[in-house]
């Protein structure tokens, strides 16, 4: 009987050790995934920011390059103010 108890206790100790090893491995995996995920996220975020900056620079270059400003033509000052869409319709020649 005491031998059976000792073997049962030893089996429990072995199981506990194995469980602890498995838990440690899982924790390590989770930590590495979290770290790797964070690194990937920061890399992609940096790339996105760089791309946005480049696009903004290109836009500003294009907008400032030899671009003539188009001013809205003034209609009769005595007439009532109209909405912009209406002004545009008035400007365009109508084909009937």
N, C-alpha and C. Protein backbone atom coordinates (compact mmCIF):
# COMPACT_ATOMS: atom_id res chain seq x y z
N UNK A 1 0.80 -1.20 0.00
CA UNK A 1 0.00 0.00 0.00
C UNK A 1 0.85 1.27 0.00
N UNK A 2 1.85 1.38 0.86
CA UNK A 2 2.64 2.61 0.83
C UNK A 2 3.35 2.80 -0.51
N UNK A 3 3.69 1.70 -1.17
CA UNK A 3 4.34 1.82 -2.47
C UNK A 3 3.38 2.43 -3.50
N UNK A 4 2.12 2.02 -3.44
CA UNK A 4 1.12 2.56 -4.36
C UNK A 4 0.93 4.05 -4.13
N UNK A 5 0.90 4.46 -2.85
CA UNK A 5 0.74 5.88 -2.54
C UNK A 5 1.93 6.68 -3.06
N UNK A 6 3.12 6.13 -2.87
CA UNK A 6 4.31 6.83 -3.32
C UNK A 6 4.31 6.96 -4.85
N UNK A 7 3.93 5.90 -5.52
CA UNK A 7 3.91 5.95 -6.98
C UNK A 7 2.84 6.94 -7.47
N UNK A 8 1.71 6.97 -6.77
CA UNK A 8 0.65 7.92 -7.13
C UNK A 8 1.13 9.35 -6.93
N UNK A 9 1.84 9.60 -5.81
CA UNK A 9 2.36 10.93 -5.55
C UNK A 9 3.40 11.33 -6.60
N UNK A 10 4.25 10.37 -6.96
CA UNK A 10 5.26 10.65 -7.98
C UNK A 10 4.61 10.95 -9.33
N UNK A 11 3.57 10.18 -9.64
CA UNK A 11 2.85 10.43 -10.89
C UNK A 11 2.24 11.83 -10.91
N UNK A 12 1.68 12.24 -9.77
CA UNK A 12 1.10 13.59 -9.68
C UNK A 12 2.17 14.66 -9.86
N UNK A 13 3.33 14.44 -9.24
CA UNK A 13 4.42 15.40 -9.37
C UNK A 13 4.86 15.52 -10.83
N UNK A 14 4.97 14.36 -11.49
CA UNK A 14 5.38 14.36 -12.89
C UNK A 14 4.34 15.10 -13.75
N UNK A 15 3.07 14.84 -13.49
CA UNK A 15 2.00 15.51 -14.24
C UNK A 15 2.05 17.02 -14.02
N UNK A 16 2.26 17.43 -12.77
CA UNK A 16 2.33 18.87 -12.47
C UNK A 16 3.49 19.52 -13.21
N UNK A 17 4.64 18.84 -13.22
CA UNK A 17 5.80 19.38 -13.92
C UNK A 17 5.51 19.52 -15.42
N UNK A 18 4.88 18.49 -15.98
CA UNK A 18 4.56 18.54 -17.40
C UNK A 18 3.56 19.67 -17.69
N UNK A 19 2.56 19.80 -16.82
CA UNK A 19 1.59 20.88 -16.99
C UNK A 19 2.27 22.25 -16.93
N UNK A 20 3.19 22.40 -15.98
CA UNK A 20 3.92 23.67 -15.86
C UNK A 20 4.74 23.95 -17.11
N UNK A 21 5.39 22.90 -17.64
CA UNK A 21 6.18 23.08 -18.86
C UNK A 21 5.29 23.52 -20.02
N UNK A 22 4.14 22.86 -20.14
CA UNK A 22 3.21 23.20 -21.22
C UNK A 22 2.73 24.64 -21.07
N UNK A 23 2.39 25.03 -19.84
CA UNK A 23 1.93 26.40 -19.60
C UNK A 23 3.02 27.42 -19.93
N UNK A 24 4.25 27.12 -19.53
CA UNK A 24 5.36 28.03 -19.82
C UNK A 24 5.55 28.20 -21.33
N UNK A 25 5.50 27.07 -22.05
CA UNK A 25 5.66 27.13 -23.50
C UNK A 25 4.56 27.97 -24.13
N UNK A 26 3.33 27.76 -23.67
CA UNK A 26 2.21 28.53 -24.22
C UNK A 26 2.38 30.01 -23.92
N UNK A 27 2.79 30.33 -22.70
CA UNK A 27 3.01 31.73 -22.33
C UNK A 27 4.11 32.35 -23.19
N UNK A 28 5.19 31.60 -23.39
CA UNK A 28 6.29 32.11 -24.22
C UNK A 28 5.82 32.35 -25.66
N UNK A 29 5.03 31.41 -26.18
CA UNK A 29 4.51 31.57 -27.54
C UNK A 29 3.65 32.82 -27.64
N UNK A 30 2.76 32.99 -26.67
CA UNK A 30 1.88 34.16 -26.68
C UNK A 30 2.68 35.45 -26.63
N UNK A 31 3.71 35.47 -25.78
CA UNK A 31 4.54 36.67 -25.66
C UNK A 31 5.27 36.97 -26.96
N UNK A 32 5.82 35.92 -27.57
CA UNK A 32 6.54 36.14 -28.84
C UNK A 32 5.58 36.61 -29.92
N UNK A 33 4.37 36.05 -29.96
CA UNK A 33 3.39 36.48 -30.95
C UNK A 33 3.03 37.94 -30.73
N UNK A 34 2.84 38.30 -29.46
CA UNK A 34 2.50 39.69 -29.16
C UNK A 34 3.62 40.62 -29.60
N UNK A 35 4.86 40.25 -29.28
CA UNK A 35 6.00 41.09 -29.65
C UNK A 35 6.11 41.20 -31.16
N UNK A 36 6.00 40.07 -31.84
CA UNK A 36 6.11 40.07 -33.30
C UNK A 36 4.98 40.87 -33.91
N UNK A 37 3.79 40.71 -33.38
CA UNK A 37 2.65 41.46 -33.89
C UNK A 37 2.85 42.95 -33.71
N UNK A 38 3.39 43.34 -32.60
CA UNK A 38 3.64 44.76 -32.34
C UNK A 38 4.68 45.30 -33.33
N UNK A 39 5.72 44.51 -33.57
CA UNK A 39 6.75 44.94 -34.51
C UNK A 39 6.16 45.09 -35.91
N UNK A 40 5.40 44.11 -36.33
CA UNK A 40 4.79 44.17 -37.65
C UNK A 40 3.87 45.38 -37.75
N UNK A 41 3.10 45.63 -36.71
CA UNK A 41 2.17 46.74 -36.72
C UNK A 41 2.92 48.06 -36.85
N UNK A 42 4.01 48.20 -36.10
CA UNK A 42 4.76 49.45 -36.18
C UNK A 42 5.39 49.60 -37.56
N UNK A 43 5.86 48.51 -38.14
CA UNK A 43 6.44 48.60 -39.48
C UNK A 43 5.40 49.04 -40.50
N UNK A 44 4.24 48.42 -40.46
CA UNK A 44 3.20 48.78 -41.43
C UNK A 44 2.74 50.20 -41.20
N UNK A 45 2.64 50.60 -39.94
CA UNK A 45 2.20 51.96 -39.64
C UNK A 45 3.21 52.97 -40.18
N UNK A 46 4.49 52.68 -40.00
CA UNK A 46 5.53 53.59 -40.51
C UNK A 46 5.46 53.67 -42.03
N UNK A 47 5.29 52.53 -42.68
CA UNK A 47 5.20 52.53 -44.14
C UNK A 47 4.01 53.36 -44.61
N UNK A 48 2.88 53.18 -43.95
CA UNK A 48 1.69 53.94 -44.32
C UNK A 48 1.92 55.43 -44.16
N UNK A 49 2.54 55.81 -43.04
CA UNK A 49 2.82 57.23 -42.81
C UNK A 49 3.74 57.79 -43.88
N UNK A 50 4.78 57.03 -44.24
CA UNK A 50 5.70 57.48 -45.28
C UNK A 50 4.97 57.65 -46.62
N UNK A 51 4.13 56.69 -46.95
CA UNK A 51 3.37 56.78 -48.20
C UNK A 51 2.46 58.00 -48.20
N UNK A 52 1.82 58.27 -47.07
CA UNK A 52 0.94 59.44 -46.97
C UNK A 52 1.74 60.72 -47.17
N UNK A 53 2.90 60.79 -46.54
CA UNK A 53 3.74 61.98 -46.68
C UNK A 53 4.15 62.19 -48.14
N UNK A 54 4.55 61.10 -48.79
CA UNK A 54 4.95 61.20 -50.19
C UNK A 54 3.79 61.69 -51.05
N UNK A 55 2.61 61.12 -50.82
CA UNK A 55 1.44 61.52 -51.60
C UNK A 55 1.11 62.99 -51.37
N UNK A 56 1.19 63.43 -50.11
CA UNK A 56 0.90 64.83 -49.81
C UNK A 56 1.91 65.75 -50.48
N UNK A 57 3.18 65.35 -50.47
CA UNK A 57 4.20 66.16 -51.12
C UNK A 57 3.94 66.26 -52.62
N UNK A 58 3.57 65.14 -53.24
CA UNK A 58 3.27 65.15 -54.67
C UNK A 58 2.07 66.05 -54.95
N UNK A 59 1.06 65.98 -54.11
CA UNK A 59 -0.13 66.81 -54.30
C UNK A 59 0.23 68.29 -54.22
N UNK A 60 1.01 68.63 -53.20
CA UNK A 60 1.37 70.04 -53.04
C UNK A 60 2.24 70.50 -54.19
N UNK A 61 3.13 69.65 -54.69
CA UNK A 61 3.96 70.02 -55.84
C UNK A 61 3.08 70.26 -57.05
N UNK A 62 2.14 69.35 -57.29
CA UNK A 62 1.26 69.49 -58.44
C UNK A 62 0.38 70.73 -58.33
N UNK A 63 -0.10 70.99 -57.14
CA UNK A 63 -1.03 72.10 -56.98
C UNK A 63 -0.33 73.45 -57.13
N UNK A 64 0.94 73.53 -56.72
CA UNK A 64 1.65 74.81 -56.80
C UNK A 64 2.33 75.01 -58.14
N UNK A 65 2.46 73.97 -58.93
CA UNK A 65 3.17 74.06 -60.21
C UNK A 65 2.32 74.78 -61.25
N UNK A 66 2.77 75.93 -61.70
CA UNK A 66 2.18 76.62 -62.86
C UNK A 66 0.67 76.47 -62.96
N UNK A 67 -0.01 76.59 -61.87
CA UNK A 67 -1.45 76.43 -61.90
C UNK A 67 -2.09 77.81 -61.85
N UNK A 68 -2.93 78.08 -62.81
CA UNK A 68 -3.60 79.37 -62.83
C UNK A 68 -4.86 79.28 -61.99
N UNK A 69 -5.08 80.32 -61.25
CA UNK A 69 -6.29 80.35 -60.44
C UNK A 69 -7.45 80.79 -61.31
N UNK A 70 -8.54 80.11 -61.15
CA UNK A 70 -9.74 80.45 -61.91
C UNK A 70 -10.70 81.14 -60.96
N UNK A 71 -11.01 82.37 -61.28
CA UNK A 71 -11.92 83.13 -60.44
C UNK A 71 -13.31 83.07 -61.04
N UNK A 72 -14.29 83.11 -60.15
CA UNK A 72 -15.66 83.06 -60.60
C UNK A 72 -16.03 84.41 -61.23
N UNK A 73 -16.66 84.32 -62.36
CA UNK A 73 -17.05 85.56 -63.04
C UNK A 73 -18.14 86.26 -62.26
N UNK A 74 -18.05 87.54 -62.26
CA UNK A 74 -19.06 88.30 -61.51
C UNK A 74 -20.24 88.59 -62.44
N UNK A 75 -21.40 88.40 -61.90
CA UNK A 75 -22.61 88.73 -62.64
C UNK A 75 -23.01 90.17 -62.29
N UNK A 76 -24.12 90.57 -62.75
CA UNK A 76 -24.58 91.93 -62.44
C UNK A 76 -24.68 92.11 -60.93
N UNK A 77 -24.13 93.18 -60.46
CA UNK A 77 -24.16 93.43 -59.02
C UNK A 77 -25.57 93.74 -58.54
N UNK A 78 -26.37 94.26 -59.42
CA UNK A 78 -27.73 94.64 -59.03
C UNK A 78 -28.64 93.43 -58.88
N UNK A 79 -28.29 92.32 -59.52
CA UNK A 79 -29.16 91.15 -59.44
C UNK A 79 -29.04 90.49 -58.07
N UNK A 80 -30.02 89.68 -57.77
CA UNK A 80 -30.03 89.02 -56.46
C UNK A 80 -28.96 87.93 -56.42
N UNK A 81 -28.40 87.66 -55.25
CA UNK A 81 -27.40 86.60 -55.16
C UNK A 81 -28.05 85.23 -55.41
N UNK A 82 -27.36 84.41 -56.15
CA UNK A 82 -27.89 83.08 -56.46
C UNK A 82 -26.91 82.02 -55.99
N UNK A 83 -27.40 80.83 -55.95
CA UNK A 83 -26.58 79.71 -55.52
C UNK A 83 -25.52 79.41 -56.58
N UNK A 84 -24.40 78.84 -56.19
CA UNK A 84 -23.30 78.59 -57.12
C UNK A 84 -23.71 77.70 -58.29
N UNK A 85 -24.52 76.69 -57.99
CA UNK A 85 -24.96 75.80 -59.06
C UNK A 85 -25.76 76.57 -60.10
N UNK A 86 -26.58 77.48 -59.61
CA UNK A 86 -27.39 78.27 -60.53
C UNK A 86 -26.49 79.18 -61.37
N UNK A 87 -25.47 79.73 -60.73
CA UNK A 87 -24.54 80.59 -61.45
C UNK A 87 -23.86 79.79 -62.56
N UNK A 88 -23.43 78.57 -62.23
CA UNK A 88 -22.78 77.73 -63.23
C UNK A 88 -23.74 77.40 -64.38
N UNK A 89 -24.99 77.17 -64.05
CA UNK A 89 -25.96 76.88 -65.10
C UNK A 89 -26.15 78.11 -65.99
N UNK A 90 -26.13 79.27 -65.38
CA UNK A 90 -26.30 80.49 -66.15
C UNK A 90 -25.10 80.72 -67.07
N UNK A 91 -23.92 80.34 -66.61
CA UNK A 91 -22.71 80.55 -67.40
C UNK A 91 -22.70 79.65 -68.64
N UNK A 92 -23.08 78.39 -68.45
CA UNK A 92 -22.98 77.43 -69.54
C UNK A 92 -24.03 77.71 -70.62
N UNK A 93 -23.63 77.65 -71.87
CA UNK A 93 -24.63 77.85 -72.94
C UNK A 93 -25.55 76.64 -73.02
N UNK A 94 -26.80 76.89 -73.12
CA UNK A 94 -27.77 75.79 -73.20
C UNK A 94 -28.03 75.45 -74.66
N UNK A 95 -28.03 74.19 -74.96
CA UNK A 95 -28.29 73.74 -76.33
C UNK A 95 -29.70 73.22 -76.43
N UNK A 96 -30.49 73.81 -77.32
CA UNK A 96 -31.88 73.38 -77.48
C UNK A 96 -32.11 72.79 -78.84
